[in-house]
Amino acid sequence: PVRRNSLRAGSCEGSFWRGTSRQDVQKTLMAARQYDRARKEPGKRN
C-alpha cells in the first residue's frame, strides 16, 4: 500500500527542491552539531 499523503514522483519536486551552495550546506552541518551540543541535557549521553 502507498503511504498516506504520498505524491506522484515527478510532479511535486519542482516547488520543493531549491538550489543551494556548499557554504550553506556546511553552515547547516555546523549549526546542527552546535545545536545538538548546546541542547544536550545534563546526564544525557546525546
ModelCIF file with pLDDT and N, C-alpha, C, O atoms, coordinates in Angstrom:
data_MODEL
#
_entry.id   MODEL 
#
_entity.id                         1 
_entity.type                       polymer 
_entity.pdbx_number_of_molecules   1 
#
_entity_poly.entity_id                      1 
_entity_poly.type                           'polypeptide(L)' 
_entity_poly.nstd_linkage                   no 
_entity_poly.nstd_monomer                   no 
_entity_poly.pdbx_seq_one_letter_code       PVRRNSLRAGSCEGSFWRGTSRQDVQKTLMAARQYDRARKEPGKRN 
_entity_poly.pdbx_seq_one_letter_code_can   PVRRNSLRAGSCEGSFWRGTSRQDVQKTLMAARQYDRARKEPGKRN 
_entity_poly.pdbx_strand_id                 A 
#
loop_
_entity_poly_seq.entity_id 
_entity_poly_seq.num 
_entity_poly_seq.mon_id 
_entity_poly_seq.hetero 
1 1  PRO n 
1 2  VAL n 
1 3  ARG n 
1 4  ARG n 
1 5  ASN n 
1 6  SER n 
1 7  LEU n 
1 8  ARG n 
1 9  ALA n 
1 10 GLY n 
1 11 SER n 
1 12 CYS n 
1 13 GLU n 
1 14 GLY n 
1 15 SER n 
1 16 PHE n 
1 17 TRP n 
1 18 ARG n 
1 19 GLY n 
1 20 THR n 
1 21 SER n 
1 22 ARG n 
1 23 GLN n 
1 24 ASP n 
1 25 VAL n 
1 26 GLN n 
1 27 LYS n 
1 28 THR n 
1 29 LEU n 
1 30 MET n 
1 31 ALA n 
1 32 ALA n 
1 33 ARG n 
1 34 GLN n 
1 35 TYR n 
1 36 ASP n 
1 37 ARG n 
1 38 ALA n 
1 39 ARG n 
1 40 LYS n 
1 41 GLU n 
1 42 PRO n 
1 43 GLY n 
1 44 LYS n 
1 45 ARG n 
1 46 ASN n 
#
_struct_asym.id          A 
_struct_asym.entity_id   1 
#
loop_
_ma_qa_metric.id 
_ma_qa_metric.mode 
_ma_qa_metric.name 
_ma_qa_metric.software_group_id 
_ma_qa_metric.type 
1 global pLDDT . pLDDT 
2 local  pLDDT . pLDDT 
#
_ma_qa_metric_global.metric_id      1 
_ma_qa_metric_global.metric_value   89.50 
_ma_qa_metric_global.model_id       1 
_ma_qa_metric_global.ordinal_id     1 
#
loop_
_ma_qa_metric_local.label_asym_id 
_ma_qa_metric_local.label_comp_id 
_ma_qa_metric_local.label_seq_id 
_ma_qa_metric_local.metric_id 
_ma_qa_metric_local.metric_value 
_ma_qa_metric_local.model_id 
_ma_qa_metric_local.ordinal_id 
A PRO 1  2 70.00 1 1  
A VAL 2  2 77.00 1 2  
A ARG 3  2 76.00 1 3  
A ARG 4  2 77.00 1 4  
A ASN 5  2 77.00 1 5  
A SER 6  2 83.00 1 6  
A LEU 7  2 85.00 1 7  
A ARG 8  2 87.00 1 8  
A ALA 9  2 87.00 1 9  
A GLY 10 2 86.00 1 10 
A SER 11 2 86.00 1 11 
A CYS 12 2 86.00 1 12 
A GLU 13 2 88.00 1 13 
A GLY 14 2 87.00 1 14 
A SER 15 2 89.00 1 15 
A PHE 16 2 93.00 1 16 
A TRP 17 2 93.00 1 17 
A ARG 18 2 92.00 1 18 
A GLY 19 2 93.00 1 19 
A THR 20 2 93.00 1 20 
A SER 21 2 93.00 1 21 
A ARG 22 2 92.00 1 22 
A GLN 23 2 92.00 1 23 
A ASP 24 2 93.00 1 24 
A VAL 25 2 95.00 1 25 
A GLN 26 2 93.00 1 26 
A LYS 27 2 93.00 1 27 
A THR 28 2 95.00 1 28 
A LEU 29 2 95.00 1 29 
A MET 30 2 94.00 1 30 
A ALA 31 2 95.00 1 31 
A ALA 32 2 96.00 1 32 
A ARG 33 2 95.00 1 33 
A GLN 34 2 94.00 1 34 
A TYR 35 2 95.00 1 35 
A ASP 36 2 95.00 1 36 
A ARG 37 2 93.00 1 37 
A ALA 38 2 93.00 1 38 
A ARG 39 2 93.00 1 39 
A LYS 40 2 92.00 1 40 
A GLU 41 2 91.00 1 41 
A PRO 42 2 90.00 1 42 
A GLY 43 2 89.00 1 43 
A LYS 44 2 88.00 1 44 
A ARG 45 2 88.00 1 45 
A ASN 46 2 90.00 1 46 
#
loop_
_atom_site.group_PDB 
_atom_site.id 
_atom_site.type_symbol 
_atom_site.label_atom_id 
_atom_site.label_alt_id 
_atom_site.label_comp_id 
_atom_site.label_asym_id 
_atom_site.label_entity_id 
_atom_site.label_seq_id 
_atom_site.pdbx_PDB_ins_code 
_atom_site.Cartn_x 
_atom_site.Cartn_y 
_atom_site.Cartn_z 
_atom_site.occupancy 
_atom_site.B_iso_or_equiv 
_atom_site.pdbx_formal_charge 
_atom_site.auth_seq_id 
_atom_site.auth_comp_id 
_atom_site.auth_asym_id 
_atom_site.auth_atom_id 
_atom_site.pdbx_PDB_model_num 
ATOM 1   N N  . PRO A 1 1  ? 0.824  -1.209 0.000   1.00 70.00 ? 1  PRO A N  1 
ATOM 2   C CA . PRO A 1 1  ? 0.000  0.000  0.000   1.00 70.00 ? 1  PRO A CA 1 
ATOM 3   C C  . PRO A 1 1  ? 0.855  1.254  0.000   1.00 70.00 ? 1  PRO A C  1 
ATOM 4   O O  . PRO A 1 1  ? 1.924  1.288  0.610   1.00 70.00 ? 1  PRO A O  1 
ATOM 5   N N  . VAL A 1 2  ? 0.383  2.276  -0.681  1.00 77.00 ? 2  VAL A N  1 
ATOM 6   C CA . VAL A 1 2  ? 1.086  3.554  -0.717  1.00 77.00 ? 2  VAL A CA 1 
ATOM 7   C C  . VAL A 1 2  ? 0.759  4.319  0.558   1.00 77.00 ? 2  VAL A C  1 
ATOM 8   O O  . VAL A 1 2  ? -0.394 4.344  0.988   1.00 77.00 ? 2  VAL A O  1 
ATOM 9   N N  . ARG A 1 3  ? 1.754  4.937  1.160   1.00 76.00 ? 3  ARG A N  1 
ATOM 10  C CA . ARG A 1 3  ? 1.558  5.623  2.429   1.00 76.00 ? 3  ARG A CA 1 
ATOM 11  C C  . ARG A 1 3  ? 0.746  6.893  2.239   1.00 76.00 ? 3  ARG A C  1 
ATOM 12  O O  . ARG A 1 3  ? 0.730  7.492  1.164   1.00 76.00 ? 3  ARG A O  1 
ATOM 13  N N  . ARG A 1 4  ? 0.086  7.276  3.289   1.00 77.00 ? 4  ARG A N  1 
ATOM 14  C CA . ARG A 1 4  ? -0.795 8.441  3.242   1.00 77.00 ? 4  ARG A CA 1 
ATOM 15  C C  . ARG A 1 4  ? -0.016 9.711  2.895   1.00 77.00 ? 4  ARG A C  1 
ATOM 16  O O  . ARG A 1 4  ? 1.149  9.854  3.265   1.00 77.00 ? 4  ARG A O  1 
ATOM 17  N N  . ASN A 1 5  ? -0.663 10.620 2.188   1.00 77.00 ? 5  ASN A N  1 
ATOM 18  C CA . ASN A 1 5  ? -0.097 11.912 1.782   1.00 77.00 ? 5  ASN A CA 1 
ATOM 19  C C  . ASN A 1 5  ? 1.068  11.775 0.804   1.00 77.00 ? 5  ASN A C  1 
ATOM 20  O O  . ASN A 1 5  ? 1.884  12.689 0.689   1.00 77.00 ? 5  ASN A O  1 
ATOM 21  N N  . SER A 1 6  ? 1.156  10.659 0.106   1.00 83.00 ? 6  SER A N  1 
ATOM 22  C CA . SER A 1 6  ? 2.202  10.488 -0.900  1.00 83.00 ? 6  SER A CA 1 
ATOM 23  C C  . SER A 1 6  ? 1.798  11.205 -2.182  1.00 83.00 ? 6  SER A C  1 
ATOM 24  O O  . SER A 1 6  ? 0.623  11.234 -2.547  1.00 83.00 ? 6  SER A O  1 
ATOM 25  N N  . LEU A 1 7  ? 2.783  11.780 -2.859  1.00 85.00 ? 7  LEU A N  1 
ATOM 26  C CA . LEU A 1 7  ? 2.566  12.494 -4.114  1.00 85.00 ? 7  LEU A CA 1 
ATOM 27  C C  . LEU A 1 7  ? 3.262  11.763 -5.246  1.00 85.00 ? 7  LEU A C  1 
ATOM 28  O O  . LEU A 1 7  ? 4.230  11.035 -5.027  1.00 85.00 ? 7  LEU A O  1 
ATOM 29  N N  . ARG A 1 8  ? 2.769  11.961 -6.439  1.00 87.00 ? 8  ARG A N  1 
ATOM 30  C CA . ARG A 1 8  ? 3.343  11.256 -7.578  1.00 87.00 ? 8  ARG A CA 1 
ATOM 31  C C  . ARG A 1 8  ? 4.732  11.802 -7.894  1.00 87.00 ? 8  ARG A C  1 
ATOM 32  O O  . ARG A 1 8  ? 4.915  13.013 -8.021  1.00 87.00 ? 8  ARG A O  1 
ATOM 33  N N  . ALA A 1 9  ? 5.700  10.915 -8.018  1.00 87.00 ? 9  ALA A N  1 
ATOM 34  C CA . ALA A 1 9  ? 7.073  11.318 -8.329  1.00 87.00 ? 9  ALA A CA 1 
ATOM 35  C C  . ALA A 1 9  ? 7.123  12.000 -9.685  1.00 87.00 ? 9  ALA A C  1 
ATOM 36  O O  . ALA A 1 9  ? 6.502  11.543 -10.644 1.00 87.00 ? 9  ALA A O  1 
ATOM 37  N N  . GLY A 1 10 ? 7.876  13.109 -9.757  1.00 86.00 ? 10 GLY A N  1 
ATOM 38  C CA . GLY A 1 10 ? 7.993  13.857 -10.991 1.00 86.00 ? 10 GLY A CA 1 
ATOM 39  C C  . GLY A 1 10 ? 7.024  15.014 -11.109 1.00 86.00 ? 10 GLY A C  1 
ATOM 40  O O  . GLY A 1 10 ? 7.146  15.841 -12.012 1.00 86.00 ? 10 GLY A O  1 
ATOM 41  N N  . SER A 1 11 ? 6.059  15.079 -10.199 1.00 86.00 ? 11 SER A N  1 
ATOM 42  C CA . SER A 1 11 ? 5.061  16.152 -10.279 1.00 86.00 ? 11 SER A CA 1 
ATOM 43  C C  . SER A 1 11 ? 5.072  17.067 -9.060  1.00 86.00 ? 11 SER A C  1 
ATOM 44  O O  . SER A 1 11 ? 4.331  18.049 -9.022  1.00 86.00 ? 11 SER A O  1 
ATOM 45  N N  . CYS A 1 12 ? 5.907  16.759 -8.057  1.00 86.00 ? 12 CYS A N  1 
ATOM 46  C CA . CYS A 1 12 ? 5.845  17.505 -6.806  1.00 86.00 ? 12 CYS A CA 1 
ATOM 47  C C  . CYS A 1 12 ? 7.170  18.147 -6.406  1.00 86.00 ? 12 CYS A C  1 
ATOM 48  O O  . CYS A 1 12 ? 7.193  18.993 -5.512  1.00 86.00 ? 12 CYS A O  1 
ATOM 49  N N  . GLU A 1 13 ? 8.264  17.767 -7.041  1.00 88.00 ? 13 GLU A N  1 
ATOM 50  C CA . GLU A 1 13 ? 9.576  18.208 -6.555  1.00 88.00 ? 13 GLU A CA 1 
ATOM 51  C C  . GLU A 1 13 ? 9.965  19.609 -7.014  1.00 88.00 ? 13 GLU A C  1 
ATOM 52  O O  . GLU A 1 13 ? 10.819 20.247 -6.397  1.00 88.00 ? 13 GLU A O  1 
ATOM 53  N N  . GLY A 1 14 ? 9.345  20.096 -8.095  1.00 87.00 ? 14 GLY A N  1 
ATOM 54  C CA . GLY A 1 14 ? 9.753  21.381 -8.663  1.00 87.00 ? 14 GLY A CA 1 
ATOM 55  C C  . GLY A 1 14 ? 9.680  22.530 -7.682  1.00 87.00 ? 14 GLY A C  1 
ATOM 56  O O  . GLY A 1 14 ? 10.577 23.371 -7.640  1.00 87.00 ? 14 GLY A O  1 
ATOM 57  N N  . SER A 1 15 ? 8.620  22.575 -6.892  1.00 89.00 ? 15 SER A N  1 
ATOM 58  C CA . SER A 1 15 ? 8.457  23.657 -5.915  1.00 89.00 ? 15 SER A CA 1 
ATOM 59  C C  . SER A 1 15 ? 9.025  23.291 -4.552  1.00 89.00 ? 15 SER A C  1 
ATOM 60  O O  . SER A 1 15 ? 9.034  24.120 -3.642  1.00 89.00 ? 15 SER A O  1 
ATOM 61  N N  . PHE A 1 16 ? 9.494  22.070 -4.403  1.00 93.00 ? 16 PHE A N  1 
ATOM 62  C CA . PHE A 1 16 ? 10.017 21.615 -3.110  1.00 93.00 ? 16 PHE A CA 1 
ATOM 63  C C  . PHE A 1 16 ? 11.534 21.742 -3.052  1.00 93.00 ? 16 PHE A C  1 
ATOM 64  O O  . PHE A 1 16 ? 12.072 22.337 -2.118  1.00 93.00 ? 16 PHE A O  1 
ATOM 65  N N  . TRP A 1 17 ? 12.220 21.190 -4.037  1.00 93.00 ? 17 TRP A N  1 
ATOM 66  C CA . TRP A 1 17 ? 13.673 21.317 -4.079  1.00 93.00 ? 17 TRP A CA 1 
ATOM 67  C C  . TRP A 1 17 ? 14.073 22.730 -4.464  1.00 93.00 ? 17 TRP A C  1 
ATOM 68  O O  . TRP A 1 17 ? 13.376 23.381 -5.242  1.00 93.00 ? 17 TRP A O  1 
ATOM 69  N N  . ARG A 1 18 ? 15.161 23.200 -3.941  1.00 92.00 ? 18 ARG A N  1 
ATOM 70  C CA . ARG A 1 18 ? 15.697 24.508 -4.329  1.00 92.00 ? 18 ARG A CA 1 
ATOM 71  C C  . ARG A 1 18 ? 17.215 24.431 -4.302  1.00 92.00 ? 18 ARG A C  1 
ATOM 72  O O  . ARG A 1 18 ? 17.808 23.706 -3.503  1.00 92.00 ? 18 ARG A O  1 
ATOM 73  N N  . GLY A 1 19 ? 17.829 25.200 -5.198  1.00 93.00 ? 19 GLY A N  1 
ATOM 74  C CA . GLY A 1 19 ? 19.281 25.198 -5.288  1.00 93.00 ? 19 GLY A CA 1 
ATOM 75  C C  . GLY A 1 19 ? 19.934 25.692 -4.006  1.00 93.00 ? 19 GLY A C  1 
ATOM 76  O O  . GLY A 1 19 ? 19.351 26.477 -3.258  1.00 93.00 ? 19 GLY A O  1 
ATOM 77  N N  . THR A 1 20 ? 21.131 25.230 -3.769  1.00 93.00 ? 20 THR A N  1 
ATOM 78  C CA . THR A 1 20 ? 21.853 25.618 -2.564  1.00 93.00 ? 20 THR A CA 1 
ATOM 79  C C  . THR A 1 20 ? 23.325 25.796 -2.924  1.00 93.00 ? 20 THR A C  1 
ATOM 80  O O  . THR A 1 20 ? 23.668 25.821 -4.105  1.00 93.00 ? 20 THR A O  1 
ATOM 81  N N  . SER A 1 21 ? 24.167 25.915 -1.964  1.00 93.00 ? 21 SER A N  1 
ATOM 82  C CA . SER A 1 21 ? 25.606 26.075 -2.194  1.00 93.00 ? 21 SER A CA 1 
ATOM 83  C C  . SER A 1 21 ? 26.363 25.262 -1.153  1.00 93.00 ? 21 SER A C  1 
ATOM 84  O O  . SER A 1 21 ? 25.813 24.859 -0.128  1.00 93.00 ? 21 SER A O  1 
ATOM 85  N N  . ARG A 1 22 ? 27.628 25.035 -1.444  1.00 92.00 ? 22 ARG A N  1 
ATOM 86  C CA . ARG A 1 22 ? 28.464 24.291 -0.493  1.00 92.00 ? 22 ARG A CA 1 
ATOM 87  C C  . ARG A 1 22 ? 28.545 25.015 0.843   1.00 92.00 ? 22 ARG A C  1 
ATOM 88  O O  . ARG A 1 22 ? 28.543 24.386 1.901   1.00 92.00 ? 22 ARG A O  1 
ATOM 89  N N  . GLN A 1 23 ? 28.617 26.341 0.788   1.00 92.00 ? 23 GLN A N  1 
ATOM 90  C CA . GLN A 1 23 ? 28.728 27.106 2.024   1.00 92.00 ? 23 GLN A CA 1 
ATOM 91  C C  . GLN A 1 23 ? 27.466 26.969 2.878   1.00 92.00 ? 23 GLN A C  1 
ATOM 92  O O  . GLN A 1 23 ? 27.555 26.807 4.095   1.00 92.00 ? 23 GLN A O  1 
ATOM 93  N N  . ASP A 1 24 ? 26.297 27.034 2.245   1.00 93.00 ? 24 ASP A N  1 
ATOM 94  C CA . ASP A 1 24 ? 25.048 26.901 3.000   1.00 93.00 ? 24 ASP A CA 1 
ATOM 95  C C  . ASP A 1 24 ? 24.917 25.499 3.610   1.00 93.00 ? 24 ASP A C  1 
ATOM 96  O O  . ASP A 1 24 ? 24.446 25.347 4.737   1.00 93.00 ? 24 ASP A O  1 
ATOM 97  N N  . VAL A 1 25 ? 25.331 24.494 2.865   1.00 95.00 ? 25 VAL A N  1 
ATOM 98  C CA . VAL A 1 25 ? 25.260 23.129 3.382   1.00 95.00 ? 25 VAL A CA 1 
ATOM 99  C C  . VAL A 1 25 ? 26.204 22.965 4.571   1.00 95.00 ? 25 VAL A C  1 
ATOM 100 O O  . VAL A 1 25 ? 25.846 22.338 5.568   1.00 95.00 ? 25 VAL A O  1 
ATOM 101 N N  . GLN A 1 26 ? 27.408 23.529 4.467   1.00 93.00 ? 26 GLN A N  1 
ATOM 102 C CA . GLN A 1 26 ? 28.348 23.450 5.577   1.00 93.00 ? 26 GLN A CA 1 
ATOM 103 C C  . GLN A 1 26 ? 27.824 24.191 6.805   1.00 93.00 ? 26 GLN A C  1 
ATOM 104 O O  . GLN A 1 26 ? 28.027 23.742 7.934   1.00 93.00 ? 26 GLN A O  1 
ATOM 105 N N  . LYS A 1 27 ? 27.156 25.316 6.592   1.00 93.00 ? 27 LYS A N  1 
ATOM 106 C CA . LYS A 1 27 ? 26.576 26.041 7.718   1.00 93.00 ? 27 LYS A CA 1 
ATOM 107 C C  . LYS A 1 27 ? 25.475 25.215 8.392   1.00 93.00 ? 27 LYS A C  1 
ATOM 108 O O  . LYS A 1 27 ? 25.335 25.230 9.615   1.00 93.00 ? 27 LYS A O  1 
ATOM 109 N N  . THR A 1 28 ? 24.706 24.506 7.588   1.00 95.00 ? 28 THR A N  1 
ATOM 110 C CA . THR A 1 28 ? 23.672 23.639 8.155   1.00 95.00 ? 28 THR A CA 1 
ATOM 111 C C  . THR A 1 28 ? 24.287 22.551 9.022   1.00 95.00 ? 28 THR A C  1 
ATOM 112 O O  . THR A 1 28 ? 23.792 22.265 10.113  1.00 95.00 ? 28 THR A O  1 
ATOM 113 N N  . LEU A 1 29 ? 25.367 21.945 8.538   1.00 95.00 ? 29 LEU A N  1 
ATOM 114 C CA . LEU A 1 29 ? 26.050 20.912 9.319   1.00 95.00 ? 29 LEU A CA 1 
ATOM 115 C C  . LEU A 1 29 ? 26.615 21.475 10.624  1.00 95.00 ? 29 LEU A C  1 
ATOM 116 O O  . LEU A 1 29 ? 26.431 20.890 11.692  1.00 95.00 ? 29 LEU A O  1 
ATOM 117 N N  . MET A 1 30 ? 27.296 22.600 10.528  1.00 94.00 ? 30 MET A N  1 
ATOM 118 C CA . MET A 1 30 ? 27.876 23.209 11.716  1.00 94.00 ? 30 MET A CA 1 
ATOM 119 C C  . MET A 1 30 ? 26.791 23.603 12.713  1.00 94.00 ? 30 MET A C  1 
ATOM 120 O O  . MET A 1 30 ? 26.948 23.417 13.919  1.00 94.00 ? 30 MET A O  1 
ATOM 121 N N  . ALA A 1 31 ? 25.684 24.150 12.198  1.00 95.00 ? 31 ALA A N  1 
ATOM 122 C CA . ALA A 1 31 ? 24.587 24.564 13.077  1.00 95.00 ? 31 ALA A CA 1 
ATOM 123 C C  . ALA A 1 31 ? 23.965 23.362 13.777  1.00 95.00 ? 31 ALA A C  1 
ATOM 124 O O  . ALA A 1 31 ? 23.614 23.439 14.954  1.00 95.00 ? 31 ALA A O  1 
ATOM 125 N N  . ALA A 1 32 ? 23.828 22.246 13.053  1.00 96.00 ? 32 ALA A N  1 
ATOM 126 C CA . ALA A 1 32 ? 23.246 21.044 13.657  1.00 96.00 ? 32 ALA A CA 1 
ATOM 127 C C  . ALA A 1 32 ? 24.143 20.508 14.769  1.00 96.00 ? 32 ALA A C  1 
ATOM 128 O O  . ALA A 1 32 ? 23.651 20.120 15.829  1.00 96.00 ? 32 ALA A O  1 
ATOM 129 N N  . ARG A 1 33 ? 25.441 20.483 14.537  1.00 95.00 ? 33 ARG A N  1 
ATOM 130 C CA . ARG A 1 33 ? 26.368 19.978 15.561  1.00 95.00 ? 33 ARG A CA 1 
ATOM 131 C C  . ARG A 1 33 ? 26.346 20.866 16.806  1.00 95.00 ? 33 ARG A C  1 
ATOM 132 O O  . ARG A 1 33 ? 26.316 20.375 17.935  1.00 95.00 ? 33 ARG A O  1 
ATOM 133 N N  . GLN A 1 34 ? 26.360 22.166 16.580  1.00 94.00 ? 34 GLN A N  1 
ATOM 134 C CA . GLN A 1 34 ? 26.342 23.073 17.721  1.00 94.00 ? 34 GLN A CA 1 
ATOM 135 C C  . GLN A 1 34 ? 24.998 23.028 18.443  1.00 94.00 ? 34 GLN A C  1 
ATOM 136 O O  . GLN A 1 34 ? 24.947 23.097 19.671  1.00 94.00 ? 34 GLN A O  1 
ATOM 137 N N  . TYR A 1 35 ? 23.929 22.916 17.695  1.00 95.00 ? 35 TYR A N  1 
ATOM 138 C CA . TYR A 1 35 ? 22.589 22.824 18.293  1.00 95.00 ? 35 TYR A CA 1 
ATOM 139 C C  . TYR A 1 35 ? 22.479 21.577 19.164  1.00 95.00 ? 35 TYR A C  1 
ATOM 140 O O  . TYR A 1 35 ? 21.963 21.644 20.280  1.00 95.00 ? 35 TYR A O  1 
ATOM 141 N N  . ASP A 1 36 ? 22.957 20.452 18.666  1.00 95.00 ? 36 ASP A N  1 
ATOM 142 C CA . ASP A 1 36 ? 22.890 19.203 19.425  1.00 95.00 ? 36 ASP A CA 1 
ATOM 143 C C  . ASP A 1 36 ? 23.735 19.300 20.690  1.00 95.00 ? 36 ASP A C  1 
ATOM 144 O O  . ASP A 1 36 ? 23.379 18.764 21.740  1.00 95.00 ? 36 ASP A O  1 
ATOM 145 N N  . ARG A 1 37 ? 24.845 19.986 20.567  1.00 93.00 ? 37 ARG A N  1 
ATOM 146 C CA . ARG A 1 37 ? 25.742 20.137 21.722  1.00 93.00 ? 37 ARG A CA 1 
ATOM 147 C C  . ARG A 1 37 ? 25.155 21.093 22.756  1.00 93.00 ? 37 ARG A C  1 
ATOM 148 O O  . ARG A 1 37 ? 25.223 20.836 23.958  1.00 93.00 ? 37 ARG A O  1 
ATOM 149 N N  . ALA A 1 38 ? 24.573 22.205 22.278  1.00 93.00 ? 38 ALA A N  1 
ATOM 150 C CA . ALA A 1 38 ? 24.054 23.216 23.197  1.00 93.00 ? 38 ALA A CA 1 
ATOM 151 C C  . ALA A 1 38 ? 22.780 22.755 23.899  1.00 93.00 ? 38 ALA A C  1 
ATOM 152 O O  . ALA A 1 38 ? 22.512 23.163 25.029  1.00 93.00 ? 38 ALA A O  1 
ATOM 153 N N  . ARG A 1 39 ? 21.992 21.905 23.234  1.00 93.00 ? 39 ARG A N  1 
ATOM 154 C CA . ARG A 1 39 ? 20.716 21.460 23.808  1.00 93.00 ? 39 ARG A CA 1 
ATOM 155 C C  . ARG A 1 39 ? 20.829 20.145 24.583  1.00 93.00 ? 39 ARG A C  1 
ATOM 156 O O  . ARG A 1 39 ? 19.826 19.618 25.064  1.00 93.00 ? 39 ARG A O  1 
ATOM 157 N N  . LYS A 1 40 ? 22.015 19.633 24.701  1.00 92.00 ? 40 LYS A N  1 
ATOM 158 C CA . LYS A 1 40 ? 22.192 18.372 25.431  1.00 92.00 ? 40 LYS A CA 1 
ATOM 159 C C  . LYS A 1 40 ? 21.905 18.594 26.911  1.00 92.00 ? 40 LYS A C  1 
ATOM 160 O O  . LYS A 1 40 ? 22.478 19.488 27.534  1.00 92.00 ? 40 LYS A O  1 
ATOM 161 N N  . GLU A 1 41 ? 21.024 17.783 27.465  1.00 91.00 ? 41 GLU A N  1 
ATOM 162 C CA . GLU A 1 41 ? 20.653 17.910 28.863  1.00 91.00 ? 41 GLU A CA 1 
ATOM 163 C C  . GLU A 1 41 ? 21.688 17.242 29.758  1.00 91.00 ? 41 GLU A C  1 
ATOM 164 O O  . GLU A 1 41 ? 22.292 16.243 29.367  1.00 91.00 ? 41 GLU A O  1 
ATOM 165 N N  . PRO A 1 42 ? 21.899 17.785 30.962  1.00 90.00 ? 42 PRO A N  1 
ATOM 166 C CA . PRO A 1 42 ? 22.869 17.187 31.888  1.00 90.00 ? 42 PRO A CA 1 
ATOM 167 C C  . PRO A 1 42 ? 22.516 15.728 32.195  1.00 90.00 ? 42 PRO A C  1 
ATOM 168 O O  . PRO A 1 42 ? 21.361 15.396 32.463  1.00 90.00 ? 42 PRO A O  1 
ATOM 169 N N  . GLY A 1 43 ? 23.514 14.888 32.150  1.00 89.00 ? 43 GLY A N  1 
ATOM 170 C CA . GLY A 1 43 ? 23.305 13.482 32.437  1.00 89.00 ? 43 GLY A CA 1 
ATOM 171 C C  . GLY A 1 43 ? 22.906 12.649 31.233  1.00 89.00 ? 43 GLY A C  1 
ATOM 172 O O  . GLY A 1 43 ? 22.925 11.420 31.296  1.00 89.00 ? 43 GLY A O  1 
ATOM 173 N N  . LYS A 1 44 ? 22.544 13.303 30.137  1.00 88.00 ? 44 LYS A N  1 
ATOM 174 C CA . LYS A 1 44 ? 22.165 12.573 28.930  1.00 88.00 ? 44 LYS A CA 1 
ATOM 175 C C  . LYS A 1 44 ? 23.407 12.325 28.075  1.00 88.00 ? 44 LYS A C  1 
ATOM 176 O O  . LYS A 1 44 ? 24.324 13.145 28.024  1.00 88.00 ? 44 LYS A O  1 
ATOM 177 N N  . ARG A 1 45 ? 23.410 11.169 27.403  1.00 88.00 ? 45 ARG A N  1 
ATOM 178 C CA . ARG A 1 45 ? 24.555 10.815 26.566  1.00 88.00 ? 45 ARG A CA 1 
ATOM 179 C C  . ARG A 1 45 ? 24.570 11.598 25.268  1.00 88.00 ? 45 ARG A C  1 
ATOM 180 O O  . ARG A 1 45 ? 25.634 11.992 24.789  1.00 88.00 ? 45 ARG A O  1 
ATOM 181 N N  . ASN A 1 46 ? 23.385 11.828 24.690  1.00 90.00 ? 46 ASN A N  1 
ATOM 182 C CA . ASN A 1 46 ? 23.276 12.515 23.405  1.00 90.00 ? 46 ASN A CA 1 
ATOM 183 C C  . ASN A 1 46 ? 22.386 13.739 23.525  1.00 90.00 ? 46 ASN A C  1 
ATOM 184 O O  . ASN A 1 46 ? 22.174 14.447 22.541  1.00 90.00 ? 46 ASN A O  1 
#
